[in-house]
Amino acid sequence: MNKTFFVLLFLLSFTSLIAQDTKWQFSSSLGIDMGGAIPLPLSEVPDDAKGTPKLKPNLGIAFQRNFNERWSLGTELSYHTLSIDAIVNVVSQAFWSDDRSYATYFSGEAYSSTELQFIEIPIQAYYHVNSRWSLVLGAYYSVILKGKLETEGRNGWISADKNDTDTAPLPGTQNTFFNFNDELDNYDVGMLLGYRWKVSERVHLWGRFNVGFKSIFVPDFNNIDYEMYQFRFSTGVSFVMWKQS
């Protein structure tokens, strides 16, 4: 999958929607996001790691084409913010140079702050279980407008020799700071799974899980020994502004 594929898929789906003069609808939505970025492999996450996802609002507009009683196809344009703070105790966490010729090791308390602001464009299939409940499955492409990933090491030890940080007594007396803002990529792709509940003909409640399929870092970034992928839960309400059947 790449950016060109998702852009073409969105354009083809959007064209299909607006080309129809019946059985389609336009709606707006308001909701909240909660999520973060997960290190992979999961073995890189220490047992005592603690994360605090922040609730952030999302706004969007959506088009939907209804084919029959069971199936619909839709696409959206929505704005999101993913934000999470985390703290973990690390031992000899490696931060490599750009050419990986040497590493700086840190043992101590690591505080990280991640925030991504982005526009998301999903393609979604709706399976209508009954007159009120629908299951949602789709893929998304997002354009990341602004990103931040900063890590602060506190009360620890820093050394270019891993043997020093492997055995250093904690807490220590040294602090450090790493900024990876410039290493964050400008797009993401992934899958989503969710539901929608029709409160009335004009008001729908919805929820969905989004999971990214690519690292949040640029492809050639290898200054840390793991990659990080987006995950997010979103929920909210949508208002049908116009429909024709």
C-alpha atoms as a PDB file:
ATOM      1  CA  MET A   1       0.000   0.000   0.000  1.00  0.00           C
ATOM      2  CA  ASN A   2       1.183   3.530  -0.694  1.00  0.00           C
ATOM      3  CA  LYS A   3      -0.067   7.080  -0.816  1.00  0.00           C
ATOM      4  CA  THR A   4      -0.962   6.974  -4.526  1.00  0.00           C
ATOM      5  CA  PHE A   5      -3.139   3.882  -4.084  1.00  0.00           C
ATOM      6  CA  PHE A   6      -5.177   5.407  -1.251  1.00  0.00           C
ATOM      7  CA  VAL A   7      -5.608   8.751  -3.032  1.00  0.00           C
ATOM      8  CA  LEU A   8      -6.885   6.985  -6.170  1.00  0.00           C
ATOM      9  CA  LEU A   9      -9.174   4.747  -4.097  1.00  0.00           C
ATOM     10  CA  PHE A  10     -10.644   7.792  -2.362  1.00  0.00           C
ATOM     11  CA  LEU A  11     -11.185   9.673  -5.641  1.00  0.00           C
ATOM     12  CA  LEU A  12     -12.850   6.686  -7.320  1.00  0.00           C
ATOM     13  CA  SER A  13     -15.128   6.078  -4.343  1.00  0.00           C
ATOM     14  CA  PHE A  14     -16.015   9.762  -4.028  1.00  0.00           C
ATOM     15  CA  THR A  15     -16.817   9.934  -7.742  1.00  0.00           C
ATOM     16  CA  SER A  16     -19.031   6.874  -7.416  1.00  0.00           C
ATOM     17  CA  LEU A  17     -20.911   8.478  -4.567  1.00  0.00           C
ATOM     18  CA  ILE A  18     -21.629  11.833  -6.136  1.00  0.00           C
ATOM     19  CA  ALA A  19     -22.389  10.322  -9.537  1.00  0.00           C
ATOM     20  CA  GLN A  20     -25.508   8.767  -8.078  1.00  0.00           C
ATOM     21  CA  ASP A  21     -28.581  10.968  -7.886  1.00  0.00           C
ATOM     22  CA  THR A  22     -30.481   8.685  -5.497  1.00  0.00           C
ATOM     23  CA  LYS A  23     -29.942   6.763  -2.272  1.00  0.00           C
ATOM     24  CA  TRP A  24     -27.122   8.844  -0.881  1.00  0.00           C
ATOM     25  CA  GLN A  25     -26.696  11.185   2.053  1.00  0.00           C
ATOM     26  CA  PHE A  26     -24.445  13.881   3.452  1.00  0.00           C
ATOM     27  CA  SER A  27     -23.736  14.280   7.180  1.00  0.00           C
ATOM     28  CA  SER A  28     -21.514  16.082   9.671  1.00  0.00           C
ATOM     29  CA  SER A  29     -20.013  14.572  12.805  1.00  0.00           C
ATOM     30  CA  LEU A  30     -18.555  15.564  16.159  1.00  0.00           C
ATOM     31  CA  GLY A  31     -16.699  13.200  18.462  1.00  0.00           C
ATOM     32  CA  ILE A  32     -13.696  12.481  20.652  1.00  0.00           C
ATOM     33  CA  ASP A  33     -10.493  10.501  20.071  1.00  0.00           C
ATOM     34  CA  MET A  34      -8.421   8.552  22.569  1.00  0.00           C
ATOM     35  CA  GLY A  35      -5.287   6.665  21.656  1.00  0.00           C
ATOM     36  CA  GLY A  36      -1.570   6.772  21.110  1.00  0.00           C
ATOM     37  CA  ALA A  37       1.387   5.080  19.445  1.00  0.00           C
ATOM     38  CA  ILE A  38       2.417   1.524  20.402  1.00  0.00           C
ATOM     39  CA  PRO A  39       6.032   0.304  20.204  1.00  0.00           C
ATOM     40  CA  LEU A  40       6.407  -2.887  18.174  1.00  0.00           C
ATOM     41  CA  PRO A  41       7.396  -5.550  18.908  1.00  0.00           C
ATOM     42  CA  LEU A  42       5.339  -5.442  22.111  1.00  0.00           C
ATOM     43  CA  SER A  43       8.265  -7.025  23.944  1.00  0.00           C
ATOM     44  CA  GLU A  44       9.823  -3.552  23.846  1.00  0.00           C
ATOM     45  CA  VAL A  45       7.128  -2.296  26.247  1.00  0.00           C
ATOM     46  CA  PRO A  46       8.295  -2.770  29.878  1.00  0.00           C
ATOM     47  CA  ASP A  47       5.824  -4.270  32.345  1.00  0.00           C
ATOM     48  CA  ASP A  48       5.723  -1.088  34.430  1.00  0.00           C
ATOM     49  CA  ALA A  49       4.988   1.237  31.497  1.00  0.00           C
ATOM     50  CA  LYS A  50       2.120   3.656  32.105  1.00  0.00           C
ATOM     51  CA  GLY A  51       0.330   5.620  29.402  1.00  0.00           C
ATOM     52  CA  THR A  52      -2.202   8.430  29.673  1.00  0.00           C
ATOM     53  CA  PRO A  53      -4.139   8.963  26.438  1.00  0.00           C
ATOM     54  CA  LYS A  54      -5.705  12.412  26.186  1.00  0.00           C
ATOM     55  CA  LEU A  55      -9.256  12.999  24.982  1.00  0.00           C
ATOM     56  CA  LYS A  56      -9.280  15.196  21.891  1.00  0.00           C
ATOM     57  CA  PRO A  57     -12.214  16.406  19.737  1.00  0.00           C
ATOM     58  CA  ASN A  58     -12.706  15.390  16.114  1.00  0.00           C
ATOM     59  CA  LEU A  59     -14.787  17.014  13.379  1.00  0.00           C
ATOM     60  CA  GLY A  60     -15.835  15.635  10.035  1.00  0.00           C
ATOM     61  CA  ILE A  61     -18.148  15.464   7.063  1.00  0.00           C
ATOM     62  CA  ALA A  62     -19.266  12.242   5.387  1.00  0.00           C
ATOM     63  CA  PHE A  63     -20.877  10.997   2.180  1.00  0.00           C
ATOM     64  CA  GLN A  64     -22.703   7.677   2.017  1.00  0.00           C
ATOM     65  CA  ARG A  65     -24.192   5.650  -0.816  1.00  0.00           C
ATOM     66  CA  ASN A  66     -26.899   3.133   0.142  1.00  0.00           C
ATOM     67  CA  PHE A  67     -27.061   0.125  -2.176  1.00  0.00           C
ATOM     68  CA  ASN A  68     -29.689  -2.034  -0.475  1.00  0.00           C
ATOM     69  CA  GLU A  69     -31.086  -2.925   2.929  1.00  0.00           C
ATOM     70  CA  ARG A  70     -27.816  -4.559   4.003  1.00  0.00           C
ATOM     71  CA  TRP A  71     -24.949  -2.626   2.427  1.00  0.00           C
ATOM     72  CA  SER A  72     -23.729   0.953   2.092  1.00  0.00           C
ATOM     73  CA  LEU A  73     -20.431   2.532   1.086  1.00  0.00           C
ATOM     74  CA  GLY A  74     -19.124   5.781   2.540  1.00  0.00           C
ATOM     75  CA  THR A  75     -16.185   8.131   2.712  1.00  0.00           C
ATOM     76  CA  GLU A  76     -15.288  10.974   5.052  1.00  0.00           C
ATOM     77  CA  LEU A  77     -13.033  13.948   5.539  1.00  0.00           C
ATOM     78  CA  SER A  78     -12.265  14.491   9.230  1.00  0.00           C
ATOM     79  CA  TYR A  79      -9.801  16.257  11.518  1.00  0.00           C
ATOM     80  CA  HIS A  80      -8.234  14.408  14.457  1.00  0.00           C
ATOM     81  CA  THR A  81      -5.634  14.804  17.191  1.00  0.00           C
ATOM     82  CA  LEU A  82      -3.932  11.784  18.729  1.00  0.00           C
ATOM     83  CA  SER A  83      -2.183  12.563  22.017  1.00  0.00           C
ATOM     84  CA  ILE A  84      -0.638  10.428  24.755  1.00  0.00           C
ATOM     85  CA  ASP A  85       1.847  10.874  27.601  1.00  0.00           C
ATOM     86  CA  ALA A  86       3.777   7.914  28.963  1.00  0.00           C
ATOM     87  CA  ILE A  87       6.285   7.108  31.707  1.00  0.00           C
ATOM     88  CA  VAL A  88       8.497   4.039  32.001  1.00  0.00           C
ATOM     89  CA  ASN A  89      11.607   2.956  33.848  1.00  0.00           C
ATOM     90  CA  VAL A  90      14.265   1.913  31.340  1.00  0.00           C
ATOM     91  CA  VAL A  91      17.643   0.219  31.591  1.00  0.00           C
ATOM     92  CA  SER A  92      20.192   0.934  28.870  1.00  0.00           C
ATOM     93  CA  GLN A  93      17.673   2.403  26.435  1.00  0.00           C
ATOM     94  CA  ALA A  94      19.683   2.930  23.246  1.00  0.00           C
ATOM     95  CA  PHE A  95      19.450   6.089  21.137  1.00  0.00           C
ATOM     96  CA  TRP A  96      21.515   5.556  17.993  1.00  0.00           C
ATOM     97  CA  SER A  97      23.258   8.130  15.840  1.00  0.00           C
ATOM     98  CA  ASP A  98      21.889   8.708  12.324  1.00  0.00           C
ATOM     99  CA  ASP A  99      24.381   6.254  10.782  1.00  0.00           C
ATOM    100  CA  ARG A 100      24.076   3.826  13.739  1.00  0.00           C
ATOM    101  CA  SER A 101      27.824   3.997  14.273  1.00  0.00           C
ATOM    102  CA  TYR A 102      27.393   4.639  17.990  1.00  0.00           C
ATOM    103  CA  ALA A 103      24.650   4.835  20.627  1.00  0.00           C
ATOM    104  CA  THR A 104      23.963   6.807  23.768  1.00  0.00           C
ATOM    105  CA  TYR A 105      22.488   4.664  26.545  1.00  0.00           C
ATOM    106  CA  PHE A 106      20.170   5.864  29.292  1.00  0.00           C
ATOM    107  CA  SER A 107      18.911   4.185  32.448  1.00  0.00           C
ATOM    108  CA  GLY A 108      16.314   5.896  34.606  1.00  0.00           C
ATOM    109  CA  GLU A 109      12.827   7.369  34.282  1.00  0.00           C
ATOM    110  CA  ALA A 110      11.692   8.107  30.731  1.00  0.00           C
ATOM    111  CA  TYR A 111       8.811  10.536  30.169  1.00  0.00           C
ATOM    112  CA  SER A 112       7.474  10.782  26.611  1.00  0.00           C
ATOM    113  CA  SER A 113       4.873  13.017  24.987  1.00  0.00           C
ATOM    114  CA  THR A 114       3.375  12.182  21.580  1.00  0.00           C
ATOM    115  CA  GLU A 115       0.870  14.243  19.602  1.00  0.00           C
ATOM    116  CA  LEU A 116      -0.225  13.950  15.968  1.00  0.00           C
ATOM    117  CA  GLN A 117      -2.659  16.325  14.249  1.00  0.00           C
ATOM    118  CA  PHE A 118      -4.019  14.965  10.976  1.00  0.00           C
ATOM    119  CA  ILE A 119      -6.732  14.872   8.336  1.00  0.00           C
ATOM    120  CA  GLU A 120      -8.197  11.404   7.805  1.00  0.00           C
ATOM    121  CA  ILE A 121      -9.872  10.034   4.668  1.00  0.00           C
ATOM    122  CA  PRO A 122     -11.450   6.591   5.195  1.00  0.00           C
ATOM    123  CA  ILE A 123     -13.316   4.313   2.830  1.00  0.00           C
ATOM    124  CA  GLN A 124     -15.970   2.425   4.795  1.00  0.00           C
ATOM    125  CA  ALA A 125     -18.382  -0.422   4.119  1.00  0.00           C
ATOM    126  CA  TYR A 126     -21.518  -0.529   6.302  1.00  0.00           C
ATOM    127  CA  TYR A 127     -23.298  -3.806   6.967  1.00  0.00           C
ATOM    128  CA  HIS A 128     -26.776  -3.034   8.337  1.00  0.00           C
ATOM    129  CA  VAL A 129     -27.581  -5.732  10.884  1.00  0.00           C
ATOM    130  CA  ASN A 130     -31.080  -4.319  11.358  1.00  0.00           C
ATOM    131  CA  SER A 131     -32.888  -1.000  11.073  1.00  0.00           C
ATOM    132  CA  ARG A 132     -30.755   0.556  13.836  1.00  0.00           C
ATOM    133  CA  TRP A 133     -27.411  -1.237  14.130  1.00  0.00           C
ATOM    134  CA  SER A 134     -24.644  -1.305  11.528  1.00  0.00           C
ATOM    135  CA  LEU A 135     -21.150  -2.803  11.503  1.00  0.00           C
ATOM    136  CA  VAL A 136     -18.408  -0.718   9.886  1.00  0.00           C
ATOM    137  CA  LEU A 137     -15.235  -1.997   8.210  1.00  0.00           C
ATOM    138  CA  GLY A 138     -12.796   0.058   6.197  1.00  0.00           C
ATOM    139  CA  ALA A 139      -9.367   1.391   5.377  1.00  0.00           C
ATOM    140  CA  TYR A 140      -8.028   4.884   5.877  1.00  0.00           C
ATOM    141  CA  TYR A 141      -5.359   7.249   4.657  1.00  0.00           C
ATOM    142  CA  SER A 142      -4.368  10.235   6.768  1.00  0.00           C
ATOM    143  CA  VAL A 143      -2.272  13.326   6.120  1.00  0.00           C
ATOM    144  CA  ILE A 144      -0.314  14.310   9.236  1.00  0.00           C
ATOM    145  CA  LEU A 145      -0.275  18.093   9.526  1.00  0.00           C
ATOM    146  CA  LYS A 146       1.847  18.384  12.672  1.00  0.00           C
ATOM    147  CA  GLY A 147       3.642  15.883  14.856  1.00  0.00           C
ATOM    148  CA  LYS A 148       5.492  15.840  18.167  1.00  0.00           C
ATOM    149  CA  LEU A 149       7.404  13.074  19.922  1.00  0.00           C
ATOM    150  CA  GLU A 150       9.641  14.154  22.782  1.00  0.00           C
ATOM    151  CA  THR A 151      11.300  12.026  25.458  1.00  0.00           C
ATOM    152  CA  GLU A 152      12.812  13.331  28.676  1.00  0.00           C
ATOM    153  CA  GLY A 153      15.085  11.133  30.774  1.00  0.00           C
ATOM    154  CA  ARG A 154      15.130  11.952  34.488  1.00  0.00           C
ATOM    155  CA  ASN A 155      16.952  10.743  37.598  1.00  0.00           C
ATOM    156  CA  GLY A 156      19.199   8.405  35.683  1.00  0.00           C
ATOM    157  CA  TRP A 157      22.570   7.755  34.103  1.00  0.00           C
ATOM    158  CA  ILE A 158      23.846   8.453  30.575  1.00  0.00           C
ATOM    159  CA  SER A 159      26.818   6.770  28.947  1.00  0.00           C
ATOM    160  CA  ALA A 160      28.211   5.682  25.594  1.00  0.00           C
ATOM    161  CA  ASP A 161      29.240   2.434  27.318  1.00  0.00           C
ATOM    162  CA  LYS A 162      26.293   0.078  27.823  1.00  0.00           C
ATOM    163  CA  ASN A 163      28.112  -1.683  30.633  1.00  0.00           C
ATOM    164  CA  ASP A 164      27.904   1.520  32.687  1.00  0.00           C
ATOM    165  CA  THR A 165      24.139   1.908  32.382  1.00  0.00           C
ATOM    166  CA  ASP A 166      23.488  -1.827  32.776  1.00  0.00           C
ATOM    167  CA  THR A 167      24.795  -1.764  36.343  1.00  0.00           C
ATOM    168  CA  ALA A 168      24.294   1.871  37.401  1.00  0.00           C
ATOM    169  CA  PRO A 169      22.413   2.290  40.715  1.00  0.00           C
ATOM    170  CA  LEU A 170      19.050   4.030  40.379  1.00  0.00           C
ATOM    171  CA  PRO A 171      17.813   6.652  40.856  1.00  0.00           C
ATOM    172  CA  GLY A 172      20.680   8.598  39.353  1.00  0.00           C
ATOM    173  CA  THR A 173      21.601  12.252  39.062  1.00  0.00           C
ATOM    174  CA  GLN A 174      21.614  12.839  35.298  1.00  0.00           C
ATOM    175  CA  ASN A 175      18.846  14.061  32.965  1.00  0.00           C
ATOM    176  CA  THR A 176      18.627  14.064  29.182  1.00  0.00           C
ATOM    177  CA  PHE A 177      16.225  15.037  26.386  1.00  0.00           C
ATOM    178  CA  PHE A 178      15.527  13.537  22.951  1.00  0.00           C
ATOM    179  CA  ASN A 179      13.378  15.220  20.299  1.00  0.00           C
ATOM    180  CA  PHE A 180      12.095  13.134  17.351  1.00  0.00           C
ATOM    181  CA  ASN A 181       9.701  15.706  15.873  1.00  0.00           C
ATOM    182  CA  ASP A 182      11.583  15.955  12.578  1.00  0.00           C
ATOM    183  CA  GLU A 183      11.634  12.165  12.214  1.00  0.00           C
ATOM    184  CA  LEU A 184       7.841  11.729  12.139  1.00  0.00           C
ATOM    185  CA  ASP A 185       6.329  10.828   8.772  1.00  0.00           C
ATOM    186  CA  ASN A 186       3.659  12.947   7.082  1.00  0.00           C
ATOM    187  CA  TYR A 187       1.076  10.225   6.393  1.00  0.00           C
ATOM    188  CA  ASP A 188      -0.403   7.029   7.794  1.00  0.00           C
ATOM    189  CA  VAL A 189      -2.484   4.143   6.438  1.00  0.00           C
ATOM    190  CA  GLY A 190      -4.461   1.492   8.287  1.00  0.00           C
ATOM    191  CA  MET A 191      -7.717  -0.307   8.940  1.00  0.00           C
ATOM    192  CA  LEU A 192     -10.784   0.509  11.024  1.00  0.00           C
ATOM    193  CA  LEU A 193     -13.582  -1.490  12.624  1.00  0.00           C
ATOM    194  CA  GLY A 194     -16.624  -0.034  14.309  1.00  0.00           C
ATOM    195  CA  TYR A 195     -20.358   0.301  14.712  1.00  0.00           C
ATOM    196  CA  ARG A 196     -23.149   2.805  14.181  1.00  0.00           C
ATOM    197  CA  TRP A 197     -26.473   3.088  15.988  1.00  0.00           C
ATOM    198  CA  LYS A 198     -29.355   5.015  14.480  1.00  0.00           C
ATOM    199  CA  VAL A 199     -31.018   7.079  17.210  1.00  0.00           C
ATOM    200  CA  SER A 200     -33.356   8.651  14.655  1.00  0.00           C
ATOM    201  CA  GLU A 201     -33.432   9.257  10.920  1.00  0.00           C
ATOM    202  CA  ARG A 202     -31.164  12.286  11.404  1.00  0.00           C
ATOM    203  CA  VAL A 203     -29.006  11.379  14.419  1.00  0.00           C
ATOM    204  CA  HIS A 204     -26.524   8.490  14.591  1.00  0.00           C
ATOM    205  CA  LEU A 205     -24.123   7.424  17.354  1.00  0.00           C
ATOM    206  CA  TRP A 206     -20.904   5.722  16.257  1.00  0.00           C
ATOM    207  CA  GLY A 207     -17.645   4.249  17.512  1.00  0.00           C
ATOM    208  CA  ARG A 208     -14.593   2.731  15.838  1.00  0.00           C
ATOM    209  CA  PHE A 209     -11.095   1.400  16.390  1.00  0.00           C
ATOM    210  CA  ASN A 210      -8.299   2.514  14.055  1.00  0.00           C
ATOM    211  CA  VAL A 211      -4.983   0.652  13.763  1.00  0.00           C
ATOM    212  CA  GLY A 212      -2.082   1.964  11.696  1.00  0.00           C
ATOM    213  CA  PHE A 213      -0.155  -0.329   9.350  1.00  0.00           C
ATOM    214  CA  LYS A 214       3.023   1.750   9.114  1.00  0.00           C
ATOM    215  CA  SER A 215       5.456   3.239  11.573  1.00  0.00           C
ATOM    216  CA  ILE A 216       4.851   6.849  12.573  1.00  0.00           C
ATOM    217  CA  PHE A 217       8.519   7.509  11.728  1.00  0.00           C
ATOM    218  CA  VAL A 218       9.998   8.244   8.305  1.00  0.00           C
ATOM    219  CA  PRO A 219      11.196   5.062   6.518  1.00  0.00           C
ATOM    220  CA  ASP A 220      14.928   5.601   7.075  1.00  0.00           C
ATOM    221  CA  PHE A 221      14.625   6.418  10.788  1.00  0.00           C
ATOM    222  CA  ASN A 222      16.423   3.833  12.922  1.00  0.00           C
ATOM    223  CA  ASN A 223      17.733   5.820  15.882  1.00  0.00           C
ATOM    224  CA  ILE A 224      15.748   3.642  18.283  1.00  0.00           C
ATOM    225  CA  ASP A 225      15.476  -0.143  18.175  1.00  0.00           C
ATOM    226  CA  TYR A 226      11.721  -0.400  17.628  1.00  0.00           C
ATOM    227  CA  GLU A 227       8.940   1.130  15.543  1.00  0.00           C
ATOM    228  CA  MET A 228       5.722   2.772  16.704  1.00  0.00           C
ATOM    229  CA  TYR A 229       2.243   2.411  15.191  1.00  0.00           C
ATOM    230  CA  GLN A 230      -0.942   4.404  15.676  1.00  0.00           C
ATOM    231  CA  PHE A 231      -3.920   3.005  17.526  1.00  0.00           C
ATOM    232  CA  ARG A 232      -7.053   4.965  18.370  1.00  0.00           C
ATOM    233  CA  PHE A 233     -10.631   4.642  19.589  1.00  0.00           C
ATOM    234  CA  SER A 234     -13.096   7.277  18.392  1.00  0.00           C
ATOM    235  CA  THR A 235     -16.722   7.812  19.300  1.00  0.00           C
ATOM    236  CA  GLY A 236     -19.251  10.509  18.586  1.00  0.00           C
ATOM    237  CA  VAL A 237     -22.491  11.584  16.980  1.00  0.00           C
ATOM    238  CA  SER A 238     -23.290  12.342  13.358  1.00  0.00           C
ATOM    239  CA  PHE A 239     -26.099  14.484  11.970  1.00  0.00           C
ATOM    240  CA  VAL A 240     -27.633  13.744   8.579  1.00  0.00           C
ATOM    241  CA  MET A 241     -27.798  17.138   6.884  1.00  0.00           C
ATOM    242  CA  TRP A 242     -29.265  15.983   3.573  1.00  0.00           C
ATOM    243  CA  LYS A 243     -30.490  12.687   2.168  1.00  0.00           C
ATOM    244  CA  GLN A 244     -32.257  11.436  -0.917  1.00  0.00           C
ATOM    245  CA  SER A 245     -33.793   8.026  -1.434  1.00  0.00           C
END
